[in-house]
Amino acid sequence: MDFDGVIADSPEATCTATIDVLKSRGFAHMASRTSMLALFDGNYFEGLVRVGVPPAVIGATDDRFADTASTGDVKAFPEMPSVITHLTVCNRVVVITSNRTDIVRGLLSSWGISGIGDVVDGDRE
């Protein structure tokens, strides 16, 4: 099951974090909500590479999103915790994401979601 945009209502927080970092790192010409949302058509991080954002800046956007997530500003879609709880009773549920494991596991825990079999993420894949 995908994480961002399926379990987590995270596109707005991702856009905000990315825009803030791009502006602070000299990429203000790329820092618009419209251009960031367009990157969600595929893998967000691959999209940043495709438009010329250097890996160090991409890493900084990831760190900024982690900070945002840790403050509780990223929420699960309202029904997803109960849906996942129900699914994990008889199924192995795996989360697939380009996000970092620590972010995903931290958010799942904060939302009371347990029983996830594994997180296949941008850290390893």
C-alpha atoms as a PDB file:
ATOM      1  CA  MET A   1       0.000   0.000   0.000  1.00  0.00           C
ATOM      2  CA  ASP A   2       1.387   3.410  -0.911  1.00  0.00           C
ATOM      3  CA  PHE A   3       2.033   5.860   1.902  1.00  0.00           C
ATOM      4  CA  ASP A   4       2.011   9.471   0.681  1.00  0.00           C
ATOM      5  CA  GLY A   5      -1.371  10.471  -0.678  1.00  0.00           C
ATOM      6  CA  VAL A   6      -2.985   7.128   0.244  1.00  0.00           C
ATOM      7  CA  ILE A   7      -2.384   6.616   3.964  1.00  0.00           C
ATOM      8  CA  ALA A   8      -0.866  10.028   4.719  1.00  0.00           C
ATOM      9  CA  ASP A   9      -2.466  13.268   3.621  1.00  0.00           C
ATOM     10  CA  SER A  10       1.010  14.624   2.990  1.00  0.00           C
ATOM     11  CA  PRO A  11       1.192  16.412  -0.388  1.00  0.00           C
ATOM     12  CA  GLU A  12       0.673  19.878   1.096  1.00  0.00           C
ATOM     13  CA  ALA A  13       3.304  19.372   3.801  1.00  0.00           C
ATOM     14  CA  THR A  14       5.707  17.938   1.224  1.00  0.00           C
ATOM     15  CA  CYS A  15       5.183  20.918  -1.080  1.00  0.00           C
ATOM     16  CA  THR A  16       5.644  23.418   1.731  1.00  0.00           C
ATOM     17  CA  ALA A  17       8.832  21.746   2.983  1.00  0.00           C
ATOM     18  CA  THR A  18      10.272  21.542  -0.531  1.00  0.00           C
ATOM     19  CA  ILE A  19       9.402  25.136  -1.401  1.00  0.00           C
ATOM     20  CA  ASP A  20      10.989  26.421   1.812  1.00  0.00           C
ATOM     21  CA  VAL A  21      14.218  24.536   1.152  1.00  0.00           C
ATOM     22  CA  LEU A  22      14.371  25.454  -2.531  1.00  0.00           C
ATOM     23  CA  LYS A  23      13.957  29.139  -1.700  1.00  0.00           C
ATOM     24  CA  SER A  24      16.639  28.999   0.990  1.00  0.00           C
ATOM     25  CA  ARG A  25      19.096  27.137  -1.260  1.00  0.00           C
ATOM     26  CA  GLY A  26      18.926  29.397  -4.320  1.00  0.00           C
ATOM     27  CA  PHE A  27      16.269  27.568  -6.315  1.00  0.00           C
ATOM     28  CA  ALA A  28      13.431  30.057  -5.832  1.00  0.00           C
ATOM     29  CA  HIS A  29      12.664  29.920  -9.571  1.00  0.00           C
ATOM     30  CA  MET A  30      11.483  26.300  -9.035  1.00  0.00           C
ATOM     31  CA  ALA A  31       9.698  26.947  -5.739  1.00  0.00           C
ATOM     32  CA  SER A  32       6.018  27.100  -6.616  1.00  0.00           C
ATOM     33  CA  ARG A  33       3.139  24.992  -5.392  1.00  0.00           C
ATOM     34  CA  THR A  34       2.108  24.232  -8.973  1.00  0.00           C
ATOM     35  CA  SER A  35       5.539  22.948  -9.986  1.00  0.00           C
ATOM     36  CA  MET A  36       5.846  20.873  -6.806  1.00  0.00           C
ATOM     37  CA  LEU A  37       2.409  19.265  -7.193  1.00  0.00           C
ATOM     38  CA  ALA A  38       3.303  18.328 -10.780  1.00  0.00           C
ATOM     39  CA  LEU A  39       6.103  16.162  -9.377  1.00  0.00           C
ATOM     40  CA  PHE A  40       3.527  13.895  -7.697  1.00  0.00           C
ATOM     41  CA  ASP A  41       2.651  12.398 -11.108  1.00  0.00           C
ATOM     42  CA  GLY A  42       5.595  10.040 -10.628  1.00  0.00           C
ATOM     43  CA  ASN A  43       8.170   9.485  -7.930  1.00  0.00           C
ATOM     44  CA  TYR A  44       8.546  12.847  -6.189  1.00  0.00           C
ATOM     45  CA  PHE A  45      12.284  12.527  -5.563  1.00  0.00           C
ATOM     46  CA  GLU A  46      12.991  11.364  -9.113  1.00  0.00           C
ATOM     47  CA  GLY A  47      10.993  14.368 -10.290  1.00  0.00           C
ATOM     48  CA  LEU A  48      13.199  16.714  -8.262  1.00  0.00           C
ATOM     49  CA  VAL A  49      16.283  15.157  -9.871  1.00  0.00           C
ATOM     50  CA  ARG A  50      14.679  15.445 -13.309  1.00  0.00           C
ATOM     51  CA  VAL A  51      14.155  19.206 -12.895  1.00  0.00           C
ATOM     52  CA  GLY A  52      17.763  19.697 -11.773  1.00  0.00           C
ATOM     53  CA  VAL A  53      17.634  19.803  -7.993  1.00  0.00           C
ATOM     54  CA  PRO A  54      20.975  18.551  -6.571  1.00  0.00           C
ATOM     55  CA  PRO A  55      20.986  15.526  -4.217  1.00  0.00           C
ATOM     56  CA  ALA A  56      22.106  17.610  -1.206  1.00  0.00           C
ATOM     57  CA  VAL A  57      19.117  19.926  -1.636  1.00  0.00           C
ATOM     58  CA  ILE A  58      16.784  16.957  -2.054  1.00  0.00           C
ATOM     59  CA  GLY A  59      18.168  15.547   1.199  1.00  0.00           C
ATOM     60  CA  ALA A  60      17.466  18.857   2.897  1.00  0.00           C
ATOM     61  CA  THR A  61      13.845  18.755   1.695  1.00  0.00           C
ATOM     62  CA  ASP A  62      13.553  15.269   3.161  1.00  0.00           C
ATOM     63  CA  ASP A  63      14.920  16.520   6.496  1.00  0.00           C
ATOM     64  CA  ARG A  64      12.509  19.474   6.483  1.00  0.00           C
ATOM     65  CA  PHE A  65       9.588  17.137   5.835  1.00  0.00           C
ATOM     66  CA  ALA A  66      10.759  14.940   8.739  1.00  0.00           C
ATOM     67  CA  ASP A  67      10.705  18.016  10.985  1.00  0.00           C
ATOM     68  CA  THR A  68       7.178  18.841   9.791  1.00  0.00           C
ATOM     69  CA  ALA A  69       6.017  15.269  10.332  1.00  0.00           C
ATOM     70  CA  SER A  70       7.421  15.215  13.864  1.00  0.00           C
ATOM     71  CA  THR A  71       5.307  18.216  14.863  1.00  0.00           C
ATOM     72  CA  GLY A  72       2.039  16.463  14.008  1.00  0.00           C
ATOM     73  CA  ASP A  73       1.343  18.561  10.917  1.00  0.00           C
ATOM     74  CA  VAL A  74       1.003  15.463   8.704  1.00  0.00           C
ATOM     75  CA  LYS A  75      -2.225  13.547   9.261  1.00  0.00           C
ATOM     76  CA  ALA A  76      -3.545  10.188   8.122  1.00  0.00           C
ATOM     77  CA  PHE A  77      -6.605  10.253   5.924  1.00  0.00           C
ATOM     78  CA  PRO A  78      -9.431   9.838   8.452  1.00  0.00           C
ATOM     79  CA  GLU A  79     -10.488   6.244   7.702  1.00  0.00           C
ATOM     80  CA  MET A  80      -7.048   4.794   6.966  1.00  0.00           C
ATOM     81  CA  PRO A  81      -6.066   3.752  10.515  1.00  0.00           C
ATOM     82  CA  SER A  82      -9.192   1.597  10.856  1.00  0.00           C
ATOM     83  CA  VAL A  83      -8.886   0.247   7.301  1.00  0.00           C
ATOM     84  CA  ILE A  84      -5.268  -0.794   7.891  1.00  0.00           C
ATOM     85  CA  THR A  85      -6.104  -2.298  11.281  1.00  0.00           C
ATOM     86  CA  HIS A  86      -8.830  -4.352   9.622  1.00  0.00           C
ATOM     87  CA  LEU A  87      -6.532  -5.440   6.777  1.00  0.00           C
ATOM     88  CA  THR A  88      -3.721  -6.531   9.085  1.00  0.00           C
ATOM     89  CA  VAL A  89      -5.976  -9.005  10.907  1.00  0.00           C
ATOM     90  CA  CYS A  90      -5.800 -11.536   8.044  1.00  0.00           C
ATOM     91  CA  ASN A  91      -3.216 -10.052   5.679  1.00  0.00           C
ATOM     92  CA  ARG A  92       0.411  -9.011   5.597  1.00  0.00           C
ATOM     93  CA  VAL A  93       0.337  -5.305   4.823  1.00  0.00           C
ATOM     94  CA  VAL A  94       3.451  -3.705   3.352  1.00  0.00           C
ATOM     95  CA  VAL A  95       3.873   0.040   2.954  1.00  0.00           C
ATOM     96  CA  ILE A  96       5.669   1.135  -0.214  1.00  0.00           C
ATOM     97  CA  THR A  97       7.036   4.653  -0.258  1.00  0.00           C
ATOM     98  CA  SER A  98       9.841   6.900  -1.416  1.00  0.00           C
ATOM     99  CA  ASN A  99       9.776   8.408   2.057  1.00  0.00           C
ATOM    100  CA  ARG A 100      12.244   7.454   4.811  1.00  0.00           C
ATOM    101  CA  THR A 101      11.525   4.516   7.121  1.00  0.00           C
ATOM    102  CA  ASP A 102      11.916   6.594  10.276  1.00  0.00           C
ATOM    103  CA  ILE A 103       9.364   9.129   9.069  1.00  0.00           C
ATOM    104  CA  VAL A 104       6.841   6.502   7.976  1.00  0.00           C
ATOM    105  CA  ARG A 105       7.160   4.345  11.085  1.00  0.00           C
ATOM    106  CA  GLY A 106       6.975   7.422  13.327  1.00  0.00           C
ATOM    107  CA  LEU A 107       3.810   8.664  11.661  1.00  0.00           C
ATOM    108  CA  LEU A 108       2.178   5.230  11.662  1.00  0.00           C
ATOM    109  CA  SER A 109       2.906   4.918  15.367  1.00  0.00           C
ATOM    110  CA  SER A 110       1.567   8.399  16.133  1.00  0.00           C
ATOM    111  CA  TRP A 111      -1.668   7.484  14.342  1.00  0.00           C
ATOM    112  CA  GLY A 112      -1.996   4.246  16.308  1.00  0.00           C
ATOM    113  CA  ILE A 113      -1.410   2.052  13.254  1.00  0.00           C
ATOM    114  CA  SER A 114       0.352  -1.203  14.038  1.00  0.00           C
ATOM    115  CA  GLY A 115       0.707  -4.574  12.371  1.00  0.00           C
ATOM    116  CA  ILE A 116       2.482  -3.323   9.249  1.00  0.00           C
ATOM    117  CA  GLY A 117       4.637  -6.170   7.919  1.00  0.00           C
ATOM    118  CA  ASP A 118       7.356  -4.010   6.416  1.00  0.00           C
ATOM    119  CA  VAL A 119       8.110  -0.605   4.958  1.00  0.00           C
ATOM    120  CA  VAL A 120       9.760  -0.712   1.535  1.00  0.00           C
ATOM    121  CA  ASP A 121      11.160   2.757   1.207  1.00  0.00           C
ATOM    122  CA  GLY A 122      13.500   5.235  -0.379  1.00  0.00           C
ATOM    123  CA  ASP A 123      16.195   4.315   2.173  1.00  0.00           C
ATOM    124  CA  ARG A 124      16.721   0.847   0.751  1.00  0.00           C
ATOM    125  CA  GLU A 125      15.047   0.623  -2.641  1.00  0.00           C
END
